Amino acid sequence: MRGKVESPIVTLNQLGHLLQEVRCQRGLTQRQLGQRAGFAQSAISALETSPGSAKLERIFQLLSALDLELVLRERKKYTQEHEW
């Protein structure tokens, strides 16, 4: 069974970093994840390093390939030291 992945994302850079982290935790290369999602390896690299330029549809395809889902919730109040 996979470990539980739950992480608040408040910036696009955090999204890219988390996608890369989950991919690596699952033991997948960018090429392997690309095959699952129907993307080229270069597209996975671009999504991990610069997710702001990605279409929302592509992000959802990648989430599906990683067996993740998007959950919206009220933003918690973070102290200054915990803000990204």
PDB file of N, CA and C in Angstrom:
ATOM      1  N   MET A   1       0.842  -1.182   0.000  1.00  0.00           N
ATOM      2  CA  MET A   1       0.000   0.000   0.000  1.00  0.00           C
ATOM      3  C   MET A   1       0.883   1.240   0.000  1.00  0.00           C
ATOM      4  N   ARG A   2       0.523   2.218  -0.752  1.00  0.00           N
ATOM      5  CA  ARG A   2       1.288   3.449  -0.842  1.00  0.00           C
ATOM      6  C   ARG A   2       1.072   4.300   0.389  1.00  0.00           C
ATOM      7  N   GLY A   3       2.104   5.117   0.713  1.00  0.00           N
ATOM      8  CA  GLY A   3       1.970   6.065   1.805  1.00  0.00           C
ATOM      9  C   GLY A   3       0.975   7.147   1.440  1.00  0.00           C
ATOM     10  N   LYS A   4       0.354   7.709   2.434  1.00  0.00           N
ATOM     11  CA  LYS A   4      -0.635   8.757   2.205  1.00  0.00           C
ATOM     12  C   LYS A   4       0.059  10.040   1.778  1.00  0.00           C
ATOM     13  N   VAL A   5      -0.388  10.613   0.683  1.00  0.00           N
ATOM     14  CA  VAL A   5       0.146  11.879   0.190  1.00  0.00           C
ATOM     15  C   VAL A   5      -0.908  12.937   0.438  1.00  0.00           C
ATOM     16  N   GLU A   6      -0.582  13.880   1.281  1.00  0.00           N
ATOM     17  CA  GLU A   6      -1.489  14.995   1.522  1.00  0.00           C
ATOM     18  C   GLU A   6      -0.632  16.211   1.803  1.00  0.00           C
ATOM     19  N   SER A   7      -0.710  17.179   0.933  1.00  0.00           N
ATOM     20  CA  SER A   7       0.141  18.346   1.078  1.00  0.00           C
ATOM     21  C   SER A   7      -0.578  19.575   0.556  1.00  0.00           C
ATOM     22  N   PRO A   8      -0.636  20.632   1.349  1.00  0.00           N
ATOM     23  CA  PRO A   8      -1.243  21.862   0.849  1.00  0.00           C
ATOM     24  C   PRO A   8      -0.353  22.489  -0.216  1.00  0.00           C
ATOM     25  N   ILE A   9      -0.968  22.974  -1.261  1.00  0.00           N
ATOM     26  CA  ILE A   9      -0.242  23.633  -2.348  1.00  0.00           C
ATOM     27  C   ILE A   9      -0.849  25.016  -2.514  1.00  0.00           C
ATOM     28  N   VAL A  10      -0.031  26.031  -2.311  1.00  0.00           N
ATOM     29  CA  VAL A  10      -0.526  27.399  -2.462  1.00  0.00           C
ATOM     30  C   VAL A  10       0.200  28.156  -3.572  1.00  0.00           C
ATOM     31  N   THR A  11       1.216  27.533  -4.167  1.00  0.00           N
ATOM     32  CA  THR A  11       1.907  28.141  -5.309  1.00  0.00           C
ATOM     33  C   THR A  11       2.108  27.094  -6.392  1.00  0.00           C
ATOM     34  N   LEU A  12       2.285  27.548  -7.617  1.00  0.00           N
ATOM     35  CA  LEU A  12       2.521  26.618  -8.720  1.00  0.00           C
ATOM     36  C   LEU A  12       3.846  25.891  -8.575  1.00  0.00           C
ATOM     37  N   ASN A  13       4.851  26.553  -8.043  1.00  0.00           N
ATOM     38  CA  ASN A  13       6.135  25.884  -7.834  1.00  0.00           C
ATOM     39  C   ASN A  13       5.999  24.714  -6.877  1.00  0.00           C
ATOM     40  N   GLN A  14       5.166  24.865  -5.859  1.00  0.00           N
ATOM     41  CA  GLN A  14       4.929  23.761  -4.929  1.00  0.00           C
ATOM     42  C   GLN A  14       4.283  22.587  -5.649  1.00  0.00           C
ATOM     43  N   LEU A  15       3.381  22.870  -6.572  1.00  0.00           N
ATOM     44  CA  LEU A  15       2.731  21.809  -7.334  1.00  0.00           C
ATOM     45  C   LEU A  15       3.766  21.011  -8.117  1.00  0.00           C
ATOM     46  N   GLY A  16       4.634  21.693  -8.820  1.00  0.00           N
ATOM     47  CA  GLY A  16       5.659  21.007  -9.599  1.00  0.00           C
ATOM     48  C   GLY A  16       6.570  20.163  -8.730  1.00  0.00           C
ATOM     49  N   HIS A  17       6.973  20.717  -7.601  1.00  0.00           N
ATOM     50  CA  HIS A  17       7.856  19.990  -6.678  1.00  0.00           C
ATOM     51  C   HIS A  17       7.151  18.751  -6.127  1.00  0.00           C
ATOM     52  N   LEU A  18       5.895  18.887  -5.749  1.00  0.00           N
ATOM     53  CA  LEU A  18       5.150  17.755  -5.202  1.00  0.00           C
ATOM     54  C   LEU A  18       4.944  16.668  -6.250  1.00  0.00           C
ATOM     55  N   LEU A  19       4.630  17.053  -7.472  1.00  0.00           N
ATOM     56  CA  LEU A  19       4.467  16.058  -8.534  1.00  0.00           C
ATOM     57  C   LEU A  19       5.753  15.265  -8.733  1.00  0.00           C
ATOM     58  N   GLN A  20       6.884  15.963  -8.729  1.00  0.00           N
ATOM     59  CA  GLN A  20       8.174  15.293  -8.880  1.00  0.00           C
ATOM     60  C   GLN A  20       8.446  14.364  -7.690  1.00  0.00           C
ATOM     61  N   GLU A  21       8.146  14.849  -6.498  1.00  0.00           N
ATOM     62  CA  GLU A  21       8.367  14.056  -5.290  1.00  0.00           C
ATOM     63  C   GLU A  21       7.539  12.770  -5.308  1.00  0.00           C
ATOM     64  N   VAL A  22       6.276  12.878  -5.667  1.00  0.00           N
ATOM     65  CA  VAL A  22       5.409  11.698  -5.711  1.00  0.00           C
ATOM     66  C   VAL A  22       5.898  10.731  -6.795  1.00  0.00           C
ATOM     67  N   ARG A  23       6.264  11.271  -7.946  1.00  0.00           N
ATOM     68  CA  ARG A  23       6.770  10.410  -9.018  1.00  0.00           C
ATOM     69  C   ARG A  23       7.982   9.610  -8.542  1.00  0.00           C
ATOM     70  N   CYS A  24       8.900  10.281  -7.883  1.00  0.00           N
ATOM     71  CA  CYS A  24      10.110   9.611  -7.396  1.00  0.00           C
ATOM     72  C   CYS A  24       9.792   8.598  -6.299  1.00  0.00           C
ATOM     73  N   GLN A  25       8.867   8.943  -5.394  1.00  0.00           N
ATOM     74  CA  GLN A  25       8.471   8.012  -4.337  1.00  0.00           C
ATOM     75  C   GLN A  25       7.864   6.745  -4.922  1.00  0.00           C
ATOM     76  N   ARG A  26       7.202   6.880  -6.055  1.00  0.00           N
ATOM     77  CA  ARG A  26       6.571   5.729  -6.697  1.00  0.00           C
ATOM     78  C   ARG A  26       7.555   4.967  -7.587  1.00  0.00           C
ATOM     79  N   GLY A  27       8.798   5.444  -7.638  1.00  0.00           N
ATOM     80  CA  GLY A  27       9.831   4.753  -8.401  1.00  0.00           C
ATOM     81  C   GLY A  27       9.681   4.882  -9.905  1.00  0.00           C
ATOM     82  N   LEU A  28       9.072   5.971 -10.345  1.00  0.00           N
ATOM     83  CA  LEU A  28       8.837   6.182 -11.768  1.00  0.00           C
ATOM     84  C   LEU A  28       9.819   7.193 -12.342  1.00  0.00           C
ATOM     85  N   THR A  29      10.282   6.939 -13.548  1.00  0.00           N
ATOM     86  CA  THR A  29      11.059   7.941 -14.266  1.00  0.00           C
ATOM     87  C   THR A  29      10.078   8.885 -14.958  1.00  0.00           C
ATOM     88  N   GLN A  30      10.584   9.994 -15.437  1.00  0.00           N
ATOM     89  CA  GLN A  30       9.723  10.906 -16.196  1.00  0.00           C
ATOM     90  C   GLN A  30       9.178  10.202 -17.437  1.00  0.00           C
ATOM     91  N   ARG A  31       9.988   9.398 -18.058  1.00  0.00           N
ATOM     92  CA  ARG A  31       9.559   8.662 -19.256  1.00  0.00           C
ATOM     93  C   ARG A  31       8.426   7.688 -18.915  1.00  0.00           C
ATOM     94  N   GLN A  32       8.562   6.954 -17.811  1.00  0.00           N
ATOM     95  CA  GLN A  32       7.518   5.998 -17.419  1.00  0.00           C
ATOM     96  C   GLN A  32       6.213   6.705 -17.087  1.00  0.00           C
ATOM     97  N   LEU A  33       6.303   7.808 -16.359  1.00  0.00           N
ATOM     98  CA  LEU A  33       5.096   8.563 -16.025  1.00  0.00           C
ATOM     99  C   LEU A  33       4.476   9.147 -17.292  1.00  0.00           C
ATOM    100  N   GLY A  34       5.317   9.602 -18.190  1.00  0.00           N
ATOM    101  CA  GLY A  34       4.823  10.121 -19.459  1.00  0.00           C
ATOM    102  C   GLY A  34       4.050   9.069 -20.236  1.00  0.00           C
ATOM    103  N   GLN A  35       4.530   7.840 -20.224  1.00  0.00           N
ATOM    104  CA  GLN A  35       3.825   6.757 -20.913  1.00  0.00           C
ATOM    105  C   GLN A  35       2.462   6.513 -20.271  1.00  0.00           C
ATOM    106  N   ARG A  36       2.396   6.559 -18.961  1.00  0.00           N
ATOM    107  CA  ARG A  36       1.110   6.376 -18.259  1.00  0.00           C
ATOM    108  C   ARG A  36       0.126   7.496 -18.576  1.00  0.00           C
ATOM    109  N   ALA A  37       0.655   8.727 -18.651  1.00  0.00           N
ATOM    110  CA  ALA A  37      -0.209   9.895 -18.844  1.00  0.00           C
ATOM    111  C   ALA A  37      -0.443  10.222 -20.319  1.00  0.00           C
ATOM    112  N   GLY A  38       0.349   9.603 -21.200  1.00  0.00           N
ATOM    113  CA  GLY A  38       0.213   9.896 -22.626  1.00  0.00           C
ATOM    114  C   GLY A  38       0.999  11.128 -23.051  1.00  0.00           C
ATOM    115  N   PHE A  39       2.065  11.447 -22.322  1.00  0.00           N
ATOM    116  CA  PHE A  39       2.907  12.617 -22.619  1.00  0.00           C
ATOM    117  C   PHE A  39       4.320  12.166 -22.952  1.00  0.00           C
ATOM    118  N   ALA A  40       5.050  13.023 -23.615  1.00  0.00           N
ATOM    119  CA  ALA A  40       6.481  12.810 -23.811  1.00  0.00           C
ATOM    120  C   ALA A  40       7.208  13.099 -22.497  1.00  0.00           C
ATOM    121  N   GLN A  41       8.390  12.546 -22.341  1.00  0.00           N
ATOM    122  CA  GLN A  41       9.212  12.796 -21.148  1.00  0.00           C
ATOM    123  C   GLN A  41       9.442  14.286 -20.964  1.00  0.00           C
ATOM    124  N   SER A  42       9.653  15.004 -22.054  1.00  0.00           N
ATOM    125  CA  SER A  42       9.912  16.448 -21.969  1.00  0.00           C
ATOM    126  C   SER A  42       8.707  17.202 -21.400  1.00  0.00           C
ATOM    127  N   ALA A  43       7.498  16.698 -21.652  1.00  0.00           N
ATOM    128  CA  ALA A  43       6.294  17.335 -21.103  1.00  0.00           C
ATOM    129  C   ALA A  43       6.225  17.138 -19.591  1.00  0.00           C
ATOM    130  N   ILE A  44       6.629  15.961 -19.122  1.00  0.00           N
ATOM    131  CA  ILE A  44       6.651  15.707 -17.674  1.00  0.00           C
ATOM    132  C   ILE A  44       7.673  16.634 -17.025  1.00  0.00           C
ATOM    133  N   SER A  45       8.825  16.747 -17.630  1.00  0.00           N
ATOM    134  CA  SER A  45       9.857  17.647 -17.110  1.00  0.00           C
ATOM    135  C   SER A  45       9.341  19.077 -17.024  1.00  0.00           C
ATOM    136  N   ALA A  46       8.666  19.531 -18.068  1.00  0.00           N
ATOM    137  CA  ALA A  46       8.128  20.894 -18.079  1.00  0.00           C
ATOM    138  C   ALA A  46       7.068  21.085 -16.997  1.00  0.00           C
ATOM    139  N   LEU A  47       6.213  20.083 -16.793  1.00  0.00           N
ATOM    140  CA  LEU A  47       5.187  20.185 -15.752  1.00  0.00           C
ATOM    141  C   LEU A  47       5.802  20.237 -14.355  1.00  0.00           C
ATOM    142  N   GLU A  48       6.894  19.511 -14.156  1.00  0.00           N
ATOM    143  CA  GLU A  48       7.545  19.509 -12.847  1.00  0.00           C
ATOM    144  C   GLU A  48       8.315  20.795 -12.585  1.00  0.00           C
ATOM    145  N   THR A  49       8.888  21.378 -13.612  1.00  0.00           N
ATOM    146  CA  THR A  49       9.722  22.565 -13.406  1.00  0.00           C
ATOM    147  C   THR A  49       8.975  23.878 -13.611  1.00  0.00           C
ATOM    148  N   SER A  50       7.933  23.855 -14.420  1.00  0.00           N
ATOM    149  CA  SER A  50       7.200  25.088 -14.710  1.00  0.00           C
ATOM    150  C   SER A  50       5.716  24.788 -14.921  1.00  0.00           C
ATOM    151  N   PRO A  51       5.021  24.376 -13.864  1.00  0.00           N
ATOM    152  CA  PRO A  51       3.620  23.971 -14.023  1.00  0.00           C
ATOM    153  C   PRO A  51       2.681  25.123 -14.373  1.00  0.00           C
ATOM    154  N   GLY A  52       3.134  26.352 -14.220  1.00  0.00           N
ATOM    155  CA  GLY A  52       2.286  27.499 -14.517  1.00  0.00           C
ATOM    156  C   GLY A  52       1.898  27.615 -15.975  1.00  0.00           C
ATOM    157  N   SER A  53       2.697  27.021 -16.849  1.00  0.00           N
ATOM    158  CA  SER A  53       2.398  27.091 -18.277  1.00  0.00           C
ATOM    159  C   SER A  53       1.529  25.935 -18.761  1.00  0.00           C
ATOM    160  N   ALA A  54       1.213  25.004 -17.865  1.00  0.00           N
ATOM    161  CA  ALA A  54       0.442  23.813 -18.243  1.00  0.00           C
ATOM    162  C   ALA A  54      -1.054  24.099 -18.243  1.00  0.00           C
ATOM    163  N   LYS A  55      -1.744  23.455 -19.156  1.00  0.00           N
ATOM    164  CA  LYS A  55      -3.208  23.516 -19.160  1.00  0.00           C
ATOM    165  C   LYS A  55      -3.720  22.667 -18.003  1.00  0.00           C
ATOM    166  N   LEU A  56      -4.824  23.084 -17.441  1.00  0.00           N
ATOM    167  CA  LEU A  56      -5.420  22.354 -16.325  1.00  0.00           C
ATOM    168  C   LEU A  56      -5.735  20.914 -16.710  1.00  0.00           C
ATOM    169  N   GLU A  57      -6.144  20.686 -17.929  1.00  0.00           N
ATOM    170  CA  GLU A  57      -6.441  19.331 -18.406  1.00  0.00           C
ATOM    171  C   GLU A  57      -5.205  18.437 -18.294  1.00  0.00           C
ATOM    172  N   ARG A  58      -4.037  18.958 -18.635  1.00  0.00           N
ATOM    173  CA  ARG A  58      -2.791  18.174 -18.550  1.00  0.00           C
ATOM    174  C   ARG A  58      -2.449  17.860 -17.101  1.00  0.00           C
ATOM    175  N   ILE A  59      -2.671  18.830 -16.226  1.00  0.00           N
ATOM    176  CA  ILE A  59      -2.392  18.600 -14.807  1.00  0.00           C
ATOM    177  C   ILE A  59      -3.283  17.476 -14.286  1.00  0.00           C
ATOM    178  N   PHE A  60      -4.557  17.476 -14.682  1.00  0.00           N
ATOM    179  CA  PHE A  60      -5.462  16.417 -14.246  1.00  0.00           C
ATOM    180  C   PHE A  60      -5.070  15.064 -14.831  1.00  0.00           C
ATOM    181  N   GLN A  61      -4.586  15.028 -16.058  1.00  0.00           N
ATOM    182  CA  GLN A  61      -4.113  13.774 -16.641  1.00  0.00           C
ATOM    183  C   GLN A  61      -2.926  13.238 -15.839  1.00  0.00           C
ATOM    184  N   LEU A  62      -2.044  14.130 -15.445  1.00  0.00           N
ATOM    185  CA  LEU A  62      -0.875  13.719 -14.672  1.00  0.00           C
ATOM    186  C   LEU A  62      -1.288  13.244 -13.284  1.00  0.00           C
ATOM    187  N   LEU A  63      -2.212  13.962 -12.644  1.00  0.00           N
ATOM    188  CA  LEU A  63      -2.713  13.518 -11.340  1.00  0.00           C
ATOM    189  C   LEU A  63      -3.320  12.125 -11.445  1.00  0.00           C
ATOM    190  N   SER A  64      -4.083  11.879 -12.492  1.00  0.00           N
ATOM    191  CA  SER A  64      -4.695  10.573 -12.686  1.00  0.00           C
ATOM    192  C   SER A  64      -3.630   9.495 -12.873  1.00  0.00           C
ATOM    193  N   ALA A  65      -2.596   9.788 -13.638  1.00  0.00           N
ATOM    194  CA  ALA A  65      -1.522   8.814 -13.872  1.00  0.00           C
ATOM    195  C   ALA A  65      -0.772   8.488 -12.585  1.00  0.00           C
ATOM    196  N   LEU A  66      -0.761   9.433 -11.648  1.00  0.00           N
ATOM    197  CA  LEU A  66      -0.112   9.217 -10.349  1.00  0.00           C
ATOM    198  C   LEU A  66      -1.100   8.712  -9.294  1.00  0.00           C
ATOM    199  N   ASP A  67      -2.343   8.486  -9.703  1.00  0.00           N
ATOM    200  CA  ASP A  67      -3.408   8.031  -8.803  1.00  0.00           C
ATOM    201  C   ASP A  67      -3.627   9.034  -7.671  1.00  0.00           C
ATOM    202  N   LEU A  68      -3.658  10.322  -8.045  1.00  0.00           N
ATOM    203  CA  LEU A  68      -3.906  11.415  -7.100  1.00  0.00           C
ATOM    204  C   LEU A  68      -5.194  12.121  -7.484  1.00  0.00           C
ATOM    205  N   GLU A  69      -5.734  12.883  -6.561  1.00  0.00           N
ATOM    206  CA  GLU A  69      -6.912  13.695  -6.829  1.00  0.00           C
ATOM    207  C   GLU A  69      -6.710  15.094  -6.266  1.00  0.00           C
ATOM    208  N   LEU A  70      -7.454  16.024  -6.790  1.00  0.00           N
ATOM    209  CA  LEU A  70      -7.412  17.403  -6.327  1.00  0.00           C
ATOM    210  C   LEU A  70      -8.536  17.614  -5.321  1.00  0.00           C
ATOM    211  N   VAL A  71      -8.193  18.183  -4.167  1.00  0.00           N
ATOM    212  CA  VAL A  71      -9.179  18.477  -3.131  1.00  0.00           C
ATOM    213  C   VAL A  71      -9.073  19.966  -2.805  1.00  0.00           C
ATOM    214  N   LEU A  72     -10.199  20.652  -2.831  1.00  0.00           N
ATOM    215  CA  LEU A  72     -10.220  22.074  -2.471  1.00  0.00           C
ATOM    216  C   LEU A  72     -10.748  22.220  -1.061  1.00  0.00           C
ATOM    217  N   ARG A  73     -10.124  23.122  -0.307  1.00  0.00           N
ATOM    218  CA  ARG A  73     -10.570  23.379   1.061  1.00  0.00           C
ATOM    219  C   ARG A  73     -10.207  24.810   1.432  1.00  0.00           C
ATOM    220  N   GLU A  74     -10.801  25.271   2.502  1.00  0.00           N
ATOM    221  CA  GLU A  74     -10.469  26.596   3.015  1.00  0.00           C
ATOM    222  C   GLU A  74      -8.990  26.628   3.362  1.00  0.00           C
ATOM    223  N   ARG A  75      -8.333  27.728   3.046  1.00  0.00           N
ATOM    224  CA  ARG A  75      -6.917  27.855   3.342  1.00  0.00           C
ATOM    225  C   ARG A  75      -6.708  28.054   4.831  1.00  0.00           C
ATOM    226  N   LYS A  76      -5.760  27.312   5.382  1.00  0.00           N
ATOM    227  CA  LYS A  76      -5.393  27.485   6.780  1.00  0.00           C
ATOM    228  C   LYS A  76      -4.558  28.745   6.920  1.00  0.00           C
ATOM    229  N   LYS A  77      -4.606  29.322   8.076  1.00  0.00           N
ATOM    230  CA  LYS A  77      -3.779  30.489   8.373  1.00  0.00           C
ATOM    231  C   LYS A  77      -2.420  30.000   8.842  1.00  0.00           C
ATOM    232  N   TYR A  78      -1.388  30.341   8.087  1.00  0.00           N
ATOM    233  CA  TYR A  78      -0.027  29.942   8.437  1.00  0.00           C
ATOM    234  C   TYR A  78       0.694  31.118   9.068  1.00  0.00           C
ATOM    235  N   THR A  79       1.609  30.810   9.958  1.00  0.00           N
ATOM    236  CA  THR A  79       2.444  31.873  10.487  1.00  0.00           C
ATOM    237  C   THR A  79       3.464  32.239   9.422  1.00  0.00           C
ATOM    238  N   GLN A  80       4.071  33.371   9.557  1.00  0.00           N
ATOM    239  CA  GLN A  80       5.014  33.876   8.559  1.00  0.00           C
ATOM    240  C   GLN A  80       6.132  32.857   8.278  1.00  0.00           C
ATOM    241  N   GLU A  81       6.626  32.164   9.294  1.00  0.00           N
ATOM    242  CA  GLU A  81       7.732  31.242   9.097  1.00  0.00           C
ATOM    243  C   GLU A  81       7.351  30.025   8.260  1.00  0.00           C
ATOM    244  N   HIS A  82       6.048  29.710   8.140  1.00  0.00           N
ATOM    245  CA  HIS A  82       5.626  28.564   7.384  1.00  0.00           C
ATOM    246  C   HIS A  82       5.133  28.913   5.985  1.00  0.00           C
ATOM    247  N   GLU A  83       5.074  30.167   5.631  1.00  0.00           N
ATOM    248  CA  GLU A  83       4.613  30.567   4.311  1.00  0.00           C
ATOM    249  C   GLU A  83       5.695  30.269   3.293  1.00  0.00           C
ATOM    250  N   TRP A  84       5.245  29.916   2.082  1.00  0.00           N
ATOM    251  CA  TRP A  84       6.212  29.613   1.031  1.00  0.00           C
ATOM    252  C   TRP A  84       6.419  30.825   0.199  1.00  0.00           C
TER     253      TRP A  84
END
